[in-house]
N, C-alpha and C. Protein backbone atom coordinates (compact mmCIF):
# COMPACT_ATOMS: atom_id res chain seq x y z
N UNK A 1 16.70 -7.32 -17.17
CA UNK A 1 15.50 -7.07 -17.94
C UNK A 1 15.83 -6.26 -19.18
N UNK A 2 16.77 -6.77 -19.96
CA UNK A 2 17.23 -6.04 -21.12
C UNK A 2 16.25 -6.13 -22.29
N UNK A 3 15.26 -7.02 -22.19
CA UNK A 3 14.33 -7.19 -23.29
C UNK A 3 13.41 -5.99 -23.48
N UNK A 4 13.36 -5.08 -22.52
CA UNK A 4 12.64 -3.82 -22.68
C UNK A 4 13.39 -2.77 -21.87
N UNK A 5 14.32 -2.11 -22.50
CA UNK A 5 15.14 -1.13 -21.81
C UNK A 5 14.31 0.11 -21.49
N UNK A 6 14.76 0.93 -20.52
CA UNK A 6 14.03 2.16 -20.23
C UNK A 6 13.83 3.04 -21.45
N UNK A 7 14.72 2.98 -22.41
CA UNK A 7 14.59 3.81 -23.60
C UNK A 7 13.39 3.43 -24.44
N UNK A 8 12.87 2.19 -24.25
CA UNK A 8 11.71 1.76 -25.02
C UNK A 8 10.40 2.29 -24.44
N UNK A 9 10.45 2.90 -23.25
CA UNK A 9 9.27 3.50 -22.65
C UNK A 9 9.17 4.95 -23.07
N UNK A 10 7.98 5.47 -23.38
CA UNK A 10 7.83 6.91 -23.62
C UNK A 10 8.34 7.69 -22.41
N UNK A 11 9.04 8.78 -22.68
CA UNK A 11 9.68 9.53 -21.60
C UNK A 11 8.69 10.43 -20.88
N UNK A 12 8.88 10.57 -19.59
CA UNK A 12 8.11 11.49 -18.78
C UNK A 12 9.04 12.07 -17.72
N UNK A 13 8.88 13.33 -17.42
CA UNK A 13 9.70 13.99 -16.40
C UNK A 13 8.76 14.68 -15.42
N UNK A 14 8.73 14.22 -14.14
CA UNK A 14 9.39 13.02 -13.63
C UNK A 14 8.66 11.77 -14.10
N UNK A 15 9.33 10.62 -14.11
CA UNK A 15 8.69 9.40 -14.64
C UNK A 15 7.65 8.80 -13.71
N UNK A 16 7.70 9.16 -12.40
CA UNK A 16 6.76 8.59 -11.43
C UNK A 16 6.73 7.07 -11.52
N UNK A 17 7.89 6.45 -11.55
CA UNK A 17 7.99 5.01 -11.76
C UNK A 17 7.47 4.23 -10.56
N UNK A 18 6.65 3.23 -10.83
CA UNK A 18 6.11 2.33 -9.82
C UNK A 18 6.40 0.90 -10.23
N UNK A 19 6.76 0.05 -9.28
CA UNK A 19 6.99 -1.35 -9.59
C UNK A 19 6.65 -2.24 -8.42
N UNK A 20 6.28 -3.48 -8.73
CA UNK A 20 5.94 -4.43 -7.68
C UNK A 20 6.23 -5.83 -8.18
N UNK A 21 6.54 -6.72 -7.25
CA UNK A 21 6.87 -8.10 -7.58
C UNK A 21 5.96 -9.04 -6.79
N UNK A 22 5.61 -10.18 -7.41
CA UNK A 22 4.98 -11.25 -6.66
C UNK A 22 5.90 -12.46 -6.74
N UNK A 23 5.37 -13.66 -6.58
CA UNK A 23 6.22 -14.85 -6.58
C UNK A 23 6.87 -15.12 -7.93
N UNK A 24 6.22 -14.71 -9.02
CA UNK A 24 6.72 -15.08 -10.34
C UNK A 24 6.86 -13.93 -11.32
N UNK A 25 6.26 -12.76 -11.05
CA UNK A 25 6.23 -11.69 -12.04
C UNK A 25 6.60 -10.34 -11.42
N UNK A 26 6.98 -9.42 -12.31
CA UNK A 26 7.29 -8.05 -11.92
C UNK A 26 6.56 -7.10 -12.86
N UNK A 27 5.86 -6.11 -12.30
CA UNK A 27 5.14 -5.11 -13.09
C UNK A 27 5.79 -3.76 -12.85
N UNK A 28 6.13 -3.07 -13.94
CA UNK A 28 6.72 -1.73 -13.89
C UNK A 28 5.81 -0.79 -14.67
N UNK A 29 5.55 0.39 -14.10
CA UNK A 29 4.70 1.39 -14.76
C UNK A 29 5.31 2.75 -14.52
N UNK A 30 5.55 3.50 -15.62
CA UNK A 30 5.91 4.90 -15.46
C UNK A 30 4.69 5.74 -15.83
N UNK A 31 4.88 7.03 -15.99
CA UNK A 31 3.72 7.90 -16.20
C UNK A 31 2.89 7.53 -17.42
N UNK A 32 3.49 6.94 -18.44
CA UNK A 32 2.77 6.70 -19.67
C UNK A 32 2.55 5.23 -20.01
N UNK A 33 3.44 4.35 -19.57
CA UNK A 33 3.44 2.96 -20.05
C UNK A 33 3.73 1.99 -18.93
N UNK A 34 3.28 0.74 -19.13
CA UNK A 34 3.61 -0.32 -18.19
C UNK A 34 4.06 -1.56 -18.96
N UNK A 35 4.79 -2.42 -18.26
CA UNK A 35 5.26 -3.68 -18.84
C UNK A 35 5.32 -4.72 -17.74
N UNK A 36 5.33 -5.99 -18.17
CA UNK A 36 5.32 -7.11 -17.23
C UNK A 36 6.42 -8.09 -17.62
N UNK A 37 7.22 -8.51 -16.64
CA UNK A 37 8.28 -9.49 -16.84
C UNK A 37 8.07 -10.69 -15.92
N UNK A 38 8.67 -11.82 -16.27
CA UNK A 38 8.82 -12.87 -15.26
C UNK A 38 10.06 -12.57 -14.45
N UNK A 39 10.28 -13.33 -13.39
CA UNK A 39 11.39 -13.01 -12.49
C UNK A 39 12.74 -13.44 -13.02
N UNK A 40 12.74 -14.05 -14.21
CA UNK A 40 14.00 -14.32 -14.91
C UNK A 40 14.39 -13.19 -15.84
N UNK A 41 13.53 -12.17 -15.93
CA UNK A 41 13.82 -11.02 -16.77
C UNK A 41 13.25 -11.10 -18.17
N UNK A 42 12.41 -12.08 -18.44
CA UNK A 42 11.80 -12.20 -19.76
C UNK A 42 10.56 -11.33 -19.87
N UNK A 43 10.48 -10.52 -20.91
CA UNK A 43 9.34 -9.63 -21.10
C UNK A 43 8.11 -10.46 -21.48
N UNK A 44 7.03 -10.30 -20.73
CA UNK A 44 5.79 -11.02 -20.97
C UNK A 44 4.74 -10.17 -21.67
N UNK A 45 4.79 -8.84 -21.42
CA UNK A 45 3.79 -7.95 -22.00
C UNK A 45 4.33 -6.52 -22.01
N UNK A 46 4.03 -5.80 -23.12
CA UNK A 46 4.33 -4.38 -23.19
C UNK A 46 5.71 -4.09 -23.75
N UNK A 47 6.13 -2.83 -23.58
CA UNK A 47 5.43 -1.73 -22.92
C UNK A 47 4.16 -1.32 -23.68
N UNK A 48 3.13 -0.95 -22.91
CA UNK A 48 1.86 -0.52 -23.47
C UNK A 48 1.38 0.70 -22.70
N UNK A 49 0.61 1.55 -23.35
CA UNK A 49 0.06 2.73 -22.69
C UNK A 49 -0.79 2.32 -21.50
N UNK A 50 -0.72 3.11 -20.43
CA UNK A 50 -1.45 2.76 -19.22
C UNK A 50 -2.94 2.61 -19.43
N UNK A 51 -3.52 3.47 -20.27
CA UNK A 51 -4.97 3.38 -20.46
C UNK A 51 -5.39 2.21 -21.33
N UNK A 52 -4.42 1.43 -21.84
CA UNK A 52 -4.75 0.18 -22.53
C UNK A 52 -5.57 -0.73 -21.61
N UNK A 53 -5.25 -0.71 -20.32
CA UNK A 53 -5.97 -1.54 -19.36
C UNK A 53 -7.46 -1.23 -19.34
N UNK A 54 -7.81 0.03 -19.58
CA UNK A 54 -9.16 0.50 -19.31
C UNK A 54 -10.01 0.67 -20.57
N UNK A 55 -9.52 0.18 -21.71
CA UNK A 55 -10.30 0.31 -22.93
C UNK A 55 -11.68 -0.33 -22.84
N UNK A 56 -11.82 -1.52 -22.24
CA UNK A 56 -13.17 -2.10 -22.14
C UNK A 56 -14.12 -1.29 -21.26
N UNK A 57 -13.56 -0.47 -20.37
CA UNK A 57 -14.38 0.31 -19.44
C UNK A 57 -15.00 1.52 -20.12
N UNK A 58 -14.29 2.09 -21.11
CA UNK A 58 -14.79 3.28 -21.77
C UNK A 58 -14.66 4.51 -20.88
N UNK A 59 -15.19 5.64 -21.36
CA UNK A 59 -15.18 6.86 -20.57
C UNK A 59 -13.80 7.48 -20.44
N UNK A 60 -13.66 8.35 -19.45
CA UNK A 60 -12.42 9.09 -19.27
C UNK A 60 -11.24 8.17 -18.99
N UNK A 61 -11.46 7.05 -18.31
CA UNK A 61 -10.34 6.14 -18.01
C UNK A 61 -9.76 5.53 -19.28
N UNK A 62 -10.59 5.38 -20.31
CA UNK A 62 -10.13 4.79 -21.56
C UNK A 62 -9.52 5.82 -22.49
N UNK A 63 -10.00 7.06 -22.44
CA UNK A 63 -9.58 8.06 -23.43
C UNK A 63 -8.41 8.91 -22.97
N UNK A 64 -8.10 8.91 -21.68
CA UNK A 64 -6.97 9.70 -21.18
C UNK A 64 -5.90 8.77 -20.63
N UNK A 65 -4.68 9.29 -20.60
CA UNK A 65 -3.54 8.53 -20.08
C UNK A 65 -2.68 9.47 -19.24
N UNK A 66 -3.27 9.92 -18.13
CA UNK A 66 -2.65 10.98 -17.34
C UNK A 66 -1.55 10.49 -16.41
N UNK A 67 -1.50 9.19 -16.15
CA UNK A 67 -0.38 8.64 -15.40
C UNK A 67 -0.49 8.80 -13.90
N UNK A 68 0.65 9.14 -13.27
CA UNK A 68 0.82 9.09 -11.81
C UNK A 68 0.36 7.72 -11.32
N UNK A 69 0.96 6.65 -11.87
CA UNK A 69 0.42 5.30 -11.67
C UNK A 69 0.71 4.73 -10.29
N UNK A 70 -0.04 3.69 -9.99
CA UNK A 70 0.13 2.91 -8.77
C UNK A 70 0.17 1.44 -9.15
N UNK A 71 1.16 0.72 -8.65
CA UNK A 71 1.21 -0.74 -8.77
C UNK A 71 1.22 -1.32 -7.37
N UNK A 72 0.21 -2.08 -7.02
CA UNK A 72 0.13 -2.72 -5.70
C UNK A 72 -0.17 -4.19 -5.90
N UNK A 73 0.08 -4.97 -4.84
CA UNK A 73 -0.20 -6.41 -4.91
C UNK A 73 -0.90 -6.85 -3.64
N UNK A 74 -2.04 -7.48 -3.81
CA UNK A 74 -2.83 -8.00 -2.69
C UNK A 74 -2.35 -9.41 -2.42
N UNK A 75 -1.46 -9.56 -1.45
CA UNK A 75 -0.83 -10.86 -1.20
C UNK A 75 -1.82 -11.85 -0.60
N UNK A 76 -2.85 -11.38 0.09
CA UNK A 76 -3.84 -12.28 0.68
C UNK A 76 -4.73 -12.92 -0.38
N UNK A 77 -5.06 -12.15 -1.41
CA UNK A 77 -5.95 -12.66 -2.46
C UNK A 77 -5.19 -13.09 -3.70
N UNK A 78 -3.90 -12.75 -3.80
CA UNK A 78 -3.14 -13.06 -5.00
C UNK A 78 -3.63 -12.25 -6.19
N UNK A 79 -3.78 -10.93 -6.01
CA UNK A 79 -4.30 -10.06 -7.07
C UNK A 79 -3.39 -8.84 -7.24
N UNK A 80 -3.26 -8.42 -8.49
CA UNK A 80 -2.58 -7.18 -8.81
C UNK A 80 -3.58 -6.04 -8.81
N UNK A 81 -3.16 -4.88 -8.30
CA UNK A 81 -3.97 -3.66 -8.35
C UNK A 81 -3.17 -2.62 -9.12
N UNK A 82 -3.64 -2.27 -10.31
CA UNK A 82 -2.99 -1.29 -11.17
C UNK A 82 -3.92 -0.10 -11.32
N UNK A 83 -3.37 1.10 -11.17
CA UNK A 83 -4.25 2.27 -11.12
C UNK A 83 -3.54 3.51 -11.63
N UNK A 84 -4.32 4.41 -12.23
CA UNK A 84 -3.83 5.75 -12.53
C UNK A 84 -5.00 6.71 -12.44
N UNK A 85 -4.69 8.02 -12.38
CA UNK A 85 -5.77 8.99 -12.25
C UNK A 85 -6.14 9.62 -13.58
N UNK A 86 -7.28 10.29 -13.57
CA UNK A 86 -7.69 11.19 -14.63
C UNK A 86 -7.75 12.58 -14.02
N UNK A 87 -7.12 13.55 -14.64
CA UNK A 87 -7.17 14.94 -14.22
C UNK A 87 -7.78 15.77 -15.34
N UNK A 88 -8.84 16.50 -15.04
CA UNK A 88 -9.48 17.32 -16.06
C UNK A 88 -10.54 16.58 -16.84
N UNK A 89 -11.15 15.58 -16.23
CA UNK A 89 -12.21 14.84 -16.89
C UNK A 89 -13.47 15.67 -17.03
N UNK A 90 -14.42 15.15 -17.79
CA UNK A 90 -15.68 15.85 -18.01
C UNK A 90 -16.83 14.84 -17.98
N UNK A 91 -17.87 15.12 -17.17
CA UNK A 91 -18.12 16.34 -16.42
C UNK A 91 -17.44 16.37 -15.05
N UNK A 92 -16.89 15.26 -14.59
CA UNK A 92 -16.22 15.22 -13.28
C UNK A 92 -14.71 15.32 -13.45
N UNK A 93 -14.08 16.18 -12.67
CA UNK A 93 -12.68 16.53 -12.91
C UNK A 93 -11.72 15.39 -12.60
N UNK A 94 -11.83 14.79 -11.41
CA UNK A 94 -10.85 13.80 -10.97
C UNK A 94 -11.46 12.40 -10.88
N UNK A 95 -10.77 11.45 -11.46
CA UNK A 95 -11.15 10.04 -11.39
C UNK A 95 -9.94 9.23 -10.93
N UNK A 96 -10.20 8.09 -10.29
CA UNK A 96 -9.17 7.08 -10.06
C UNK A 96 -9.60 5.83 -10.80
N UNK A 97 -8.80 5.44 -11.78
CA UNK A 97 -9.08 4.26 -12.59
C UNK A 97 -8.33 3.08 -11.97
N UNK A 98 -9.05 2.04 -11.61
CA UNK A 98 -8.46 0.93 -10.87
C UNK A 98 -8.74 -0.37 -11.60
N UNK A 99 -7.68 -1.17 -11.81
CA UNK A 99 -7.79 -2.50 -12.41
C UNK A 99 -7.33 -3.53 -11.39
N UNK A 100 -8.16 -4.52 -11.12
CA UNK A 100 -7.84 -5.60 -10.18
C UNK A 100 -7.78 -6.90 -10.98
N UNK A 101 -6.64 -7.57 -10.94
CA UNK A 101 -6.49 -8.78 -11.74
C UNK A 101 -7.45 -9.86 -11.26
N UNK A 102 -7.96 -10.64 -12.21
CA UNK A 102 -8.90 -11.70 -11.85
C UNK A 102 -8.20 -12.94 -11.31
N UNK A 103 -6.90 -13.04 -11.56
CA UNK A 103 -6.08 -14.14 -11.04
C UNK A 103 -4.73 -13.57 -10.61
N UNK A 104 -3.80 -14.44 -10.24
CA UNK A 104 -2.47 -13.99 -9.85
C UNK A 104 -1.62 -13.60 -11.06
N UNK A 105 -2.08 -13.89 -12.25
CA UNK A 105 -1.33 -13.60 -13.48
C UNK A 105 -1.56 -12.16 -13.90
N UNK A 106 -0.49 -11.36 -13.87
CA UNK A 106 -0.62 -9.94 -14.22
C UNK A 106 -0.92 -9.74 -15.69
N UNK A 107 -0.69 -10.74 -16.52
CA UNK A 107 -0.98 -10.62 -17.95
C UNK A 107 -2.41 -11.03 -18.31
N UNK A 108 -3.17 -11.47 -17.32
CA UNK A 108 -4.53 -11.96 -17.57
C UNK A 108 -5.57 -10.85 -17.52
N UNK A 109 -6.86 -11.24 -17.47
CA UNK A 109 -7.94 -10.24 -17.45
C UNK A 109 -8.04 -9.52 -16.11
N UNK A 110 -8.69 -8.35 -16.16
CA UNK A 110 -8.83 -7.50 -14.98
C UNK A 110 -10.29 -7.08 -14.79
N UNK A 111 -10.68 -6.89 -13.53
CA UNK A 111 -11.91 -6.18 -13.20
C UNK A 111 -11.58 -4.69 -13.19
N UNK A 112 -12.44 -3.88 -13.80
CA UNK A 112 -12.13 -2.47 -14.03
C UNK A 112 -13.13 -1.56 -13.32
N UNK A 113 -12.60 -0.47 -12.76
CA UNK A 113 -13.41 0.47 -12.00
C UNK A 113 -13.01 1.91 -12.33
N UNK A 114 -14.00 2.79 -12.37
CA UNK A 114 -13.80 4.22 -12.55
C UNK A 114 -14.46 4.91 -11.36
N UNK A 115 -13.64 5.41 -10.43
CA UNK A 115 -14.16 6.09 -9.24
C UNK A 115 -13.97 7.60 -9.41
N UNK A 116 -15.04 8.36 -9.28
CA UNK A 116 -14.94 9.82 -9.29
C UNK A 116 -14.50 10.28 -7.90
N UNK A 117 -13.29 10.83 -7.81
CA UNK A 117 -12.74 11.20 -6.50
C UNK A 117 -12.98 12.65 -6.13
N UNK A 118 -13.28 13.50 -7.12
CA UNK A 118 -13.70 14.88 -6.85
C UNK A 118 -14.29 15.45 -8.13
N UNK A 119 -15.45 16.05 -8.03
CA UNK A 119 -16.13 16.54 -9.23
C UNK A 119 -15.52 17.82 -9.77
N UNK A 120 -14.86 18.61 -8.91
CA UNK A 120 -14.35 19.91 -9.35
C UNK A 120 -12.87 20.12 -9.09
N UNK A 121 -12.28 19.43 -8.13
CA UNK A 121 -10.89 19.65 -7.76
C UNK A 121 -9.98 18.54 -8.28
N UNK A 122 -8.69 18.79 -8.22
CA UNK A 122 -7.66 17.87 -8.72
C UNK A 122 -7.12 17.05 -7.55
N UNK A 123 -7.32 15.73 -7.60
CA UNK A 123 -6.78 14.84 -6.58
C UNK A 123 -5.49 14.24 -7.12
N UNK A 124 -4.36 14.66 -6.55
CA UNK A 124 -3.04 14.34 -7.06
C UNK A 124 -2.29 13.44 -6.08
N UNK A 125 -1.16 12.90 -6.55
CA UNK A 125 -0.25 12.09 -5.72
C UNK A 125 -0.98 10.94 -5.04
N UNK A 126 -1.81 10.24 -5.77
CA UNK A 126 -2.57 9.14 -5.18
C UNK A 126 -1.68 7.91 -5.00
N UNK A 127 -1.80 7.28 -3.83
CA UNK A 127 -1.05 6.05 -3.50
C UNK A 127 -2.00 5.07 -2.83
N UNK A 128 -1.89 3.79 -3.21
CA UNK A 128 -2.82 2.76 -2.73
C UNK A 128 -2.08 1.76 -1.85
N UNK A 129 -2.71 1.40 -0.74
CA UNK A 129 -2.21 0.36 0.15
C UNK A 129 -3.26 -0.72 0.33
N UNK A 130 -2.81 -1.95 0.54
CA UNK A 130 -3.71 -3.10 0.71
C UNK A 130 -3.87 -3.39 2.19
N UNK A 131 -5.10 -3.61 2.62
CA UNK A 131 -5.42 -4.00 3.99
C UNK A 131 -6.56 -5.00 3.92
N UNK A 132 -6.70 -5.90 4.88
CA UNK A 132 -7.74 -6.92 4.76
C UNK A 132 -9.15 -6.38 4.59
N UNK A 133 -9.44 -5.20 5.15
CA UNK A 133 -10.81 -4.69 5.09
C UNK A 133 -11.02 -3.67 3.97
N UNK A 134 -10.02 -3.44 3.13
CA UNK A 134 -10.22 -2.50 2.04
C UNK A 134 -8.93 -2.14 1.34
N UNK A 135 -9.07 -1.51 0.19
CA UNK A 135 -7.94 -0.88 -0.47
C UNK A 135 -7.96 0.60 -0.08
N UNK A 136 -6.91 1.04 0.59
CA UNK A 136 -6.84 2.39 1.11
C UNK A 136 -6.00 3.26 0.17
N UNK A 137 -6.39 4.52 0.01
CA UNK A 137 -5.67 5.41 -0.89
C UNK A 137 -5.51 6.79 -0.25
N UNK A 138 -4.32 7.33 -0.35
CA UNK A 138 -4.09 8.71 0.05
C UNK A 138 -4.08 9.59 -1.18
N UNK A 139 -4.53 10.83 -1.02
CA UNK A 139 -4.53 11.79 -2.12
C UNK A 139 -4.36 13.20 -1.59
N UNK A 140 -3.99 14.10 -2.48
CA UNK A 140 -3.77 15.50 -2.14
C UNK A 140 -4.64 16.34 -3.08
N UNK A 141 -5.47 17.18 -2.52
CA UNK A 141 -6.50 17.89 -3.27
C UNK A 141 -6.05 19.32 -3.56
N UNK A 142 -6.10 19.68 -4.85
CA UNK A 142 -5.70 21.00 -5.30
C UNK A 142 -6.85 21.67 -6.05
N UNK A 143 -6.85 23.00 -6.05
CA UNK A 143 -7.80 23.79 -6.83
C UNK A 143 -7.23 24.00 -8.23
N UNK A 144 -7.80 23.41 -9.28
CA UNK A 144 -7.23 23.51 -10.61
C UNK A 144 -7.56 24.81 -11.33
N UNK A 145 -8.40 25.66 -10.72
CA UNK A 145 -8.82 26.88 -11.39
C UNK A 145 -7.86 28.04 -11.19
N UNK A 146 -6.89 27.87 -10.30
CA UNK A 146 -5.94 28.93 -9.97
C UNK A 146 -4.53 28.43 -10.22
N UNK A 147 -3.66 29.27 -10.77
CA UNK A 147 -2.27 28.91 -11.01
C UNK A 147 -1.35 29.80 -10.18
N UNK A 148 -0.39 29.21 -9.39
CA UNK A 148 -0.25 27.77 -9.17
C UNK A 148 -1.41 27.22 -8.34
N UNK A 149 -1.68 25.92 -8.51
CA UNK A 149 -2.85 25.31 -7.87
C UNK A 149 -2.74 25.35 -6.35
N UNK A 150 -3.64 26.04 -5.66
CA UNK A 150 -3.59 26.05 -4.19
C UNK A 150 -3.90 24.65 -3.63
N UNK A 151 -3.15 24.28 -2.60
CA UNK A 151 -3.38 23.00 -1.94
C UNK A 151 -4.50 23.16 -0.94
N UNK A 152 -5.51 22.29 -1.04
CA UNK A 152 -6.71 22.43 -0.22
C UNK A 152 -6.75 21.48 0.96
N UNK A 153 -6.40 20.19 0.73
CA UNK A 153 -6.58 19.20 1.79
C UNK A 153 -5.87 17.90 1.46
N UNK A 154 -5.50 17.17 2.50
CA UNK A 154 -5.14 15.78 2.36
C UNK A 154 -6.39 14.94 2.49
N UNK A 155 -6.53 13.94 1.63
CA UNK A 155 -7.77 13.14 1.63
C UNK A 155 -7.41 11.66 1.64
N UNK A 156 -8.16 10.88 2.39
CA UNK A 156 -7.97 9.44 2.43
C UNK A 156 -9.25 8.74 1.96
N UNK A 157 -9.06 7.64 1.25
CA UNK A 157 -10.15 6.89 0.64
C UNK A 157 -10.05 5.43 1.07
N UNK A 158 -11.18 4.75 1.12
CA UNK A 158 -11.21 3.30 1.31
C UNK A 158 -12.17 2.72 0.28
N UNK A 159 -11.65 1.79 -0.54
CA UNK A 159 -12.45 1.12 -1.57
C UNK A 159 -12.83 -0.28 -1.09
N UNK A 160 -13.95 -0.77 -1.60
CA UNK A 160 -14.49 -2.06 -1.16
C UNK A 160 -13.70 -3.23 -1.76
N UNK A 161 -12.67 -3.63 -1.06
CA UNK A 161 -11.81 -4.72 -1.53
C UNK A 161 -12.60 -6.00 -1.77
N UNK A 162 -13.50 -6.37 -0.84
CA UNK A 162 -14.21 -7.63 -0.94
C UNK A 162 -15.06 -7.70 -2.21
N UNK A 163 -15.55 -6.57 -2.67
CA UNK A 163 -16.32 -6.51 -3.91
C UNK A 163 -15.40 -6.55 -5.13
N UNK A 164 -14.32 -5.82 -5.05
CA UNK A 164 -13.45 -5.63 -6.21
C UNK A 164 -12.73 -6.91 -6.61
N UNK A 165 -12.37 -7.76 -5.66
CA UNK A 165 -11.69 -9.00 -6.02
C UNK A 165 -12.65 -10.02 -6.62
N UNK A 166 -13.96 -9.70 -6.57
CA UNK A 166 -14.96 -10.54 -7.23
C UNK A 166 -15.52 -9.91 -8.50
N UNK A 167 -15.07 -8.68 -8.81
CA UNK A 167 -15.58 -7.99 -9.98
C UNK A 167 -16.99 -7.46 -9.81
N UNK A 168 -17.42 -7.24 -8.57
CA UNK A 168 -18.75 -6.74 -8.28
C UNK A 168 -18.75 -5.23 -8.16
N UNK A 169 -19.91 -4.57 -8.28
CA UNK A 169 -19.96 -3.12 -8.07
C UNK A 169 -19.37 -2.76 -6.71
N UNK A 170 -18.56 -1.71 -6.70
CA UNK A 170 -17.84 -1.34 -5.48
C UNK A 170 -18.01 0.15 -5.19
N UNK A 171 -18.05 0.47 -3.92
CA UNK A 171 -18.18 1.84 -3.46
C UNK A 171 -16.88 2.27 -2.77
N UNK A 172 -16.82 3.53 -2.39
CA UNK A 172 -15.72 3.99 -1.55
C UNK A 172 -16.25 5.03 -0.58
N UNK A 173 -15.50 5.20 0.50
CA UNK A 173 -15.73 6.29 1.44
C UNK A 173 -14.45 7.10 1.54
N UNK A 174 -14.58 8.35 1.97
CA UNK A 174 -13.37 9.17 2.09
C UNK A 174 -13.59 10.27 3.10
N UNK A 175 -12.50 10.88 3.52
CA UNK A 175 -12.56 12.03 4.41
C UNK A 175 -11.31 12.88 4.20
N UNK A 176 -11.45 14.17 4.43
CA UNK A 176 -10.30 15.07 4.41
C UNK A 176 -9.67 15.10 5.79
N UNK A 177 -8.34 15.04 5.82
CA UNK A 177 -7.64 15.05 7.10
C UNK A 177 -7.74 16.44 7.73
N UNK A 178 -7.86 16.50 9.05
CA UNK A 178 -7.97 17.80 9.71
C UNK A 178 -6.64 18.55 9.66
N UNK A 179 -6.72 19.85 9.70
CA UNK A 179 -5.51 20.66 9.77
C UNK A 179 -4.84 20.47 11.13
N UNK A 180 -3.52 20.60 11.13
CA UNK A 180 -2.75 20.59 12.38
C UNK A 180 -2.38 22.04 12.67
N UNK A 181 -3.07 22.63 13.61
CA UNK A 181 -2.93 24.06 13.82
C UNK A 181 -3.51 24.79 12.62
N UNK A 182 -2.65 25.50 11.91
CA UNK A 182 -3.08 26.18 10.67
C UNK A 182 -2.49 25.52 9.44
N UNK A 183 -1.90 24.33 9.60
CA UNK A 183 -1.23 23.65 8.49
C UNK A 183 -2.09 22.52 7.94
N UNK A 184 -2.20 22.46 6.61
CA UNK A 184 -2.90 21.36 5.95
C UNK A 184 -1.94 20.18 5.85
N UNK A 185 -2.41 18.99 6.23
CA UNK A 185 -1.53 17.82 6.21
C UNK A 185 -1.14 17.46 4.78
N UNK A 186 0.14 17.15 4.59
CA UNK A 186 0.67 16.87 3.26
C UNK A 186 1.75 15.79 3.38
N UNK A 187 1.86 14.97 2.33
CA UNK A 187 2.98 14.04 2.26
C UNK A 187 2.78 12.75 3.02
N UNK A 188 1.56 12.27 3.15
CA UNK A 188 1.27 11.05 3.90
C UNK A 188 1.03 9.89 2.93
N UNK A 189 1.24 8.68 3.41
CA UNK A 189 1.09 7.49 2.58
C UNK A 189 0.27 6.45 3.34
N UNK A 190 -0.47 5.60 2.63
CA UNK A 190 -1.18 4.51 3.30
C UNK A 190 -0.23 3.38 3.66
N UNK A 191 -0.50 2.71 4.78
CA UNK A 191 0.23 1.49 5.10
C UNK A 191 -0.17 0.40 4.11
N UNK A 192 0.67 -0.64 4.01
CA UNK A 192 0.44 -1.68 3.01
C UNK A 192 0.83 -3.03 3.60
N UNK A 193 -0.06 -4.01 3.46
CA UNK A 193 0.19 -5.35 4.00
C UNK A 193 1.04 -6.14 3.02
N UNK A 194 2.24 -6.54 3.44
CA UNK A 194 3.17 -7.26 2.57
C UNK A 194 3.40 -8.69 3.03
N UNK A 195 2.63 -9.16 3.99
CA UNK A 195 2.84 -10.49 4.57
C UNK A 195 1.55 -11.29 4.50
N UNK A 196 1.69 -12.61 4.43
CA UNK A 196 0.52 -13.49 4.49
C UNK A 196 -0.07 -13.54 5.89
N UNK A 197 0.67 -13.02 6.88
CA UNK A 197 0.15 -12.95 8.24
C UNK A 197 -0.65 -11.66 8.38
N UNK A 198 -1.96 -11.76 8.54
CA UNK A 198 -2.78 -10.54 8.63
C UNK A 198 -2.54 -9.81 9.94
N UNK A 199 -2.92 -8.55 10.02
CA UNK A 199 -2.81 -7.83 11.29
C UNK A 199 -3.74 -8.44 12.32
N UNK A 200 -3.53 -8.17 13.61
CA UNK A 200 -4.43 -8.70 14.64
C UNK A 200 -5.87 -8.30 14.36
N UNK A 201 -6.78 -9.18 14.67
CA UNK A 201 -8.19 -8.95 14.40
C UNK A 201 -8.67 -7.66 15.05
N UNK A 202 -9.34 -6.84 14.26
CA UNK A 202 -9.90 -5.60 14.78
C UNK A 202 -8.97 -4.42 14.71
N UNK A 203 -7.70 -4.64 14.35
CA UNK A 203 -6.77 -3.51 14.27
C UNK A 203 -7.06 -2.72 13.00
N UNK A 204 -7.25 -1.42 13.16
CA UNK A 204 -7.52 -0.56 12.01
C UNK A 204 -6.21 0.00 11.48
N UNK A 205 -6.27 0.44 10.25
CA UNK A 205 -5.07 1.01 9.63
C UNK A 205 -4.70 2.32 10.29
N UNK A 206 -5.69 3.11 10.69
CA UNK A 206 -5.41 4.35 11.40
C UNK A 206 -6.66 4.79 12.12
N UNK A 207 -6.56 4.96 13.42
CA UNK A 207 -7.74 5.33 14.19
C UNK A 207 -8.16 6.76 13.92
N UNK A 208 -7.28 7.56 13.27
CA UNK A 208 -7.62 8.96 13.01
C UNK A 208 -8.39 9.13 11.71
N UNK A 209 -8.53 8.06 10.91
CA UNK A 209 -9.24 8.15 9.64
C UNK A 209 -10.69 7.78 9.89
N UNK A 210 -11.59 8.74 9.80
CA UNK A 210 -13.00 8.49 9.99
C UNK A 210 -13.69 8.64 8.65
N UNK A 211 -13.93 7.54 7.92
CA UNK A 211 -14.45 7.65 6.55
C UNK A 211 -15.86 8.21 6.50
N UNK A 212 -16.12 9.03 5.49
CA UNK A 212 -17.45 9.51 5.17
C UNK A 212 -17.62 9.38 3.65
N UNK A 213 -18.83 9.47 3.17
CA UNK A 213 -19.04 9.46 1.73
C UNK A 213 -18.59 10.79 1.14
N UNK A 214 -17.79 10.77 0.08
CA UNK A 214 -17.38 12.01 -0.58
C UNK A 214 -18.50 12.52 -1.47
């Protein structure tokens, strides 16, 4: 993939690089920029600023480019899920900006969503996993008013996949993970479906996640 070397991407330390492949394309996103190649290494799009995706949406997702990106692929629906957060938004502090491709082509149009994940706290280290009944996301909640930011809770989210792949209004539910003894849970990731064979009917991603409205 010499047609867009790493030097052509704006630098970030750490870069928080995310990448994913489908049958024909590869999407790479670092903290500031993303690009799309075919599997022969030909550059199809970019590098472009991450918030380029969200310009039609407006608001904080369009005006900020805070990074910590996520690149996921919904193999059951043939859709790309590209996402980054907003930290320090106004009037709501934390947002998750999510783009779901309308087709299997990562260079095509996207359905766009702006989810407020916390009105006052910083939701960091967000990671998204695909499951038949939803798009699941893990996050880590910090208090941004104190330096260094105290860690408050691990939080899990579920977004309405069935709505999002149709471009319809979508909701989410979430819950904070319980402490283990006196320790706040940290460093967890959502499972992700990478096969066309779905999980057994009725199997949940985690029986310990009891979603509530945030």
